[in-house]
Structure formats: structure tokens, C-alpha cells
Amino acid sequence: MKTYHVTQEDDRWTLKEDGFADALIEAEDRDEVLEETREYMKVRFARVLIHDANGQVVDERQFPEKAAGLARGQSKAT
């Protein structure tokens, strides 16, 4: 299973695959990146670690969401 990270970089939020420098998704706010990440992950088996503005992991989501036993848009933290 691949791991991806949602992090803040300067004035933008990004989704990156673990170990890669290039952003797959970029947006002005975290909610927008998370929305686009749901779409991007529909055809991938992966986990996404969501970081706060200080770089701390605050949530983890598994995709596809059905395989993780979660309703659409839910996270392990809820």
C-alpha cells in the first residue's frame, strides 16, 4: 500500500506520494486538497496521512474508502 501526505508548504496545501518531492495536487486550503484527494484516490489502494500546519499528523485515511470500512469522507479520527 502506498502512502501519501497532505501537508502545508508556504501558502499552499499539497498531496505528495511518500518519498517524492513533486506535488500531485495543490490548493490554497486543506479542505480543497482533501476533496481533490478523494477523487484522485478512487482508483488507488493507499493511505493518506493528513498533517496540520505544524507538520504533525492529525488524521489518516485509507482508500478505497469502502475497503477501509469507512463511509465516504470519514476518517479514522471520527
C-alpha atoms as a PDB file:
ATOM      1  CA  MET A   1       0.000   0.000   0.000  1.00  0.00           C
ATOM      2  CA  LYS A   2       1.384   3.397  -0.978  1.00  0.00           C
ATOM      3  CA  THR A   3       1.450   6.275   1.489  1.00  0.00           C
ATOM      4  CA  TYR A   4       0.638   9.869   0.616  1.00  0.00           C
ATOM      5  CA  HIS A   5       0.866  13.054   2.687  1.00  0.00           C
ATOM      6  CA  VAL A   6      -1.295  16.176   2.790  1.00  0.00           C
ATOM      7  CA  THR A   7       0.911  18.996   4.086  1.00  0.00           C
ATOM      8  CA  GLN A   8       1.183  22.756   4.083  1.00  0.00           C
ATOM      9  CA  GLU A   9       4.020  24.317   2.113  1.00  0.00           C
ATOM     10  CA  ASP A  10       4.325  28.077   2.348  1.00  0.00           C
ATOM     11  CA  ASP A  11       0.938  29.460   1.223  1.00  0.00           C
ATOM     12  CA  ARG A  12      -0.479  26.239  -0.266  1.00  0.00           C
ATOM     13  CA  TRP A  13      -1.521  22.715   0.705  1.00  0.00           C
ATOM     14  CA  THR A  14      -0.286  19.711  -1.256  1.00  0.00           C
ATOM     15  CA  LEU A  15      -0.733  15.989  -1.719  1.00  0.00           C
ATOM     16  CA  LYS A  16       2.527  14.108  -2.307  1.00  0.00           C
ATOM     17  CA  GLU A  17       3.408  10.458  -2.549  1.00  0.00           C
ATOM     18  CA  ASP A  18       5.772   9.370   0.232  1.00  0.00           C
ATOM     19  CA  GLY A  19       9.370   9.721  -0.942  1.00  0.00           C
ATOM     20  CA  PHE A  20       8.622  12.045  -3.869  1.00  0.00           C
ATOM     21  CA  ALA A  21       9.174  15.804  -3.979  1.00  0.00           C
ATOM     22  CA  ASP A  22       6.621  16.735  -6.648  1.00  0.00           C
ATOM     23  CA  ALA A  23       3.089  17.625  -5.583  1.00  0.00           C
ATOM     24  CA  LEU A  24       0.292  15.621  -7.179  1.00  0.00           C
ATOM     25  CA  ILE A  25      -2.375  18.078  -6.035  1.00  0.00           C
ATOM     26  CA  GLU A  26      -2.026  21.699  -4.904  1.00  0.00           C
ATOM     27  CA  ALA A  27      -4.623  24.076  -3.483  1.00  0.00           C
ATOM     28  CA  GLU A  28      -4.947  27.165  -1.325  1.00  0.00           C
ATOM     29  CA  ASP A  29      -6.575  25.335   1.594  1.00  0.00           C
ATOM     30  CA  ARG A  30      -6.511  21.886   3.144  1.00  0.00           C
ATOM     31  CA  ASP A  31     -10.213  21.157   2.596  1.00  0.00           C
ATOM     32  CA  GLU A  32      -9.827  21.703  -1.140  1.00  0.00           C
ATOM     33  CA  VAL A  33      -6.831  19.337  -1.292  1.00  0.00           C
ATOM     34  CA  LEU A  34      -8.782  16.719   0.688  1.00  0.00           C
ATOM     35  CA  GLU A  35     -11.730  16.963  -1.702  1.00  0.00           C
ATOM     36  CA  GLU A  36      -9.464  16.518  -4.727  1.00  0.00           C
ATOM     37  CA  THR A  37      -7.607  13.708  -2.938  1.00  0.00           C
ATOM     38  CA  ARG A  38     -10.863  11.723  -2.577  1.00  0.00           C
ATOM     39  CA  GLU A  39     -11.301  11.868  -6.339  1.00  0.00           C
ATOM     40  CA  TYR A  40      -7.662  11.022  -7.049  1.00  0.00           C
ATOM     41  CA  MET A  41      -7.732   8.025  -4.699  1.00  0.00           C
ATOM     42  CA  LYS A  42     -10.863   6.417  -6.192  1.00  0.00           C
ATOM     43  CA  VAL A  43      -8.670   4.114  -8.294  1.00  0.00           C
ATOM     44  CA  ARG A  44      -5.828   3.646  -5.793  1.00  0.00           C
ATOM     45  CA  PHE A  45      -5.188   1.429  -2.791  1.00  0.00           C
ATOM     46  CA  ALA A  46      -3.370   3.738  -0.382  1.00  0.00           C
ATOM     47  CA  ARG A  47      -3.307   5.553   2.915  1.00  0.00           C
ATOM     48  CA  VAL A  48      -3.181   9.312   3.279  1.00  0.00           C
ATOM     49  CA  LEU A  49      -1.611  10.968   6.296  1.00  0.00           C
ATOM     50  CA  ILE A  50      -3.052  14.418   6.914  1.00  0.00           C
ATOM     51  CA  HIS A  51      -0.775  16.899   8.651  1.00  0.00           C
ATOM     52  CA  ASP A  52      -1.626  20.174  10.374  1.00  0.00           C
ATOM     53  CA  ALA A  53       0.130  23.461   9.611  1.00  0.00           C
ATOM     54  CA  ASN A  54       2.908  22.499  12.077  1.00  0.00           C
ATOM     55  CA  GLY A  55       3.618  19.206  10.291  1.00  0.00           C
ATOM     56  CA  GLN A  56       2.044  16.921  12.900  1.00  0.00           C
ATOM     57  CA  VAL A  57      -0.094  14.021  11.645  1.00  0.00           C
ATOM     58  CA  VAL A  58      -3.665  14.705  12.751  1.00  0.00           C
ATOM     59  CA  ASP A  59      -5.580  12.148  10.693  1.00  0.00           C
ATOM     60  CA  GLU A  60      -5.167   9.087   8.496  1.00  0.00           C
ATOM     61  CA  ARG A  61      -7.486   7.951   5.725  1.00  0.00           C
ATOM     62  CA  GLN A  62      -7.440   4.688   3.807  1.00  0.00           C
ATOM     63  CA  PHE A  63      -8.501   4.282   0.200  1.00  0.00           C
ATOM     64  CA  PRO A  64     -10.530   2.975  -1.381  1.00  0.00           C
ATOM     65  CA  GLU A  65     -12.842   4.082   1.385  1.00  0.00           C
ATOM     66  CA  LYS A  66     -15.087   1.006   1.090  1.00  0.00           C
ATOM     67  CA  ALA A  67     -12.110  -1.277   1.679  1.00  0.00           C
ATOM     68  CA  ALA A  68     -11.240   0.675   4.811  1.00  0.00           C
ATOM     69  CA  GLY A  69     -14.771   0.165   6.138  1.00  0.00           C
ATOM     70  CA  LEU A  70     -15.438   3.885   6.202  1.00  0.00           C
ATOM     71  CA  ALA A  71     -18.328   5.855   4.812  1.00  0.00           C
ATOM     72  CA  ARG A  72     -17.395   8.364   2.140  1.00  0.00           C
ATOM     73  CA  GLY A  73     -15.468  11.246   3.617  1.00  0.00           C
ATOM     74  CA  GLN A  74     -14.980   9.748   7.060  1.00  0.00           C
ATOM     75  CA  SER A  75     -11.614   9.394   8.691  1.00  0.00           C
ATOM     76  CA  LYS A  76     -10.155   7.140  11.345  1.00  0.00           C
ATOM     77  CA  ALA A  77     -10.219  10.078  13.752  1.00  0.00           C
ATOM     78  CA  THR A  78     -14.028  10.357  13.680  1.00  0.00           C
END
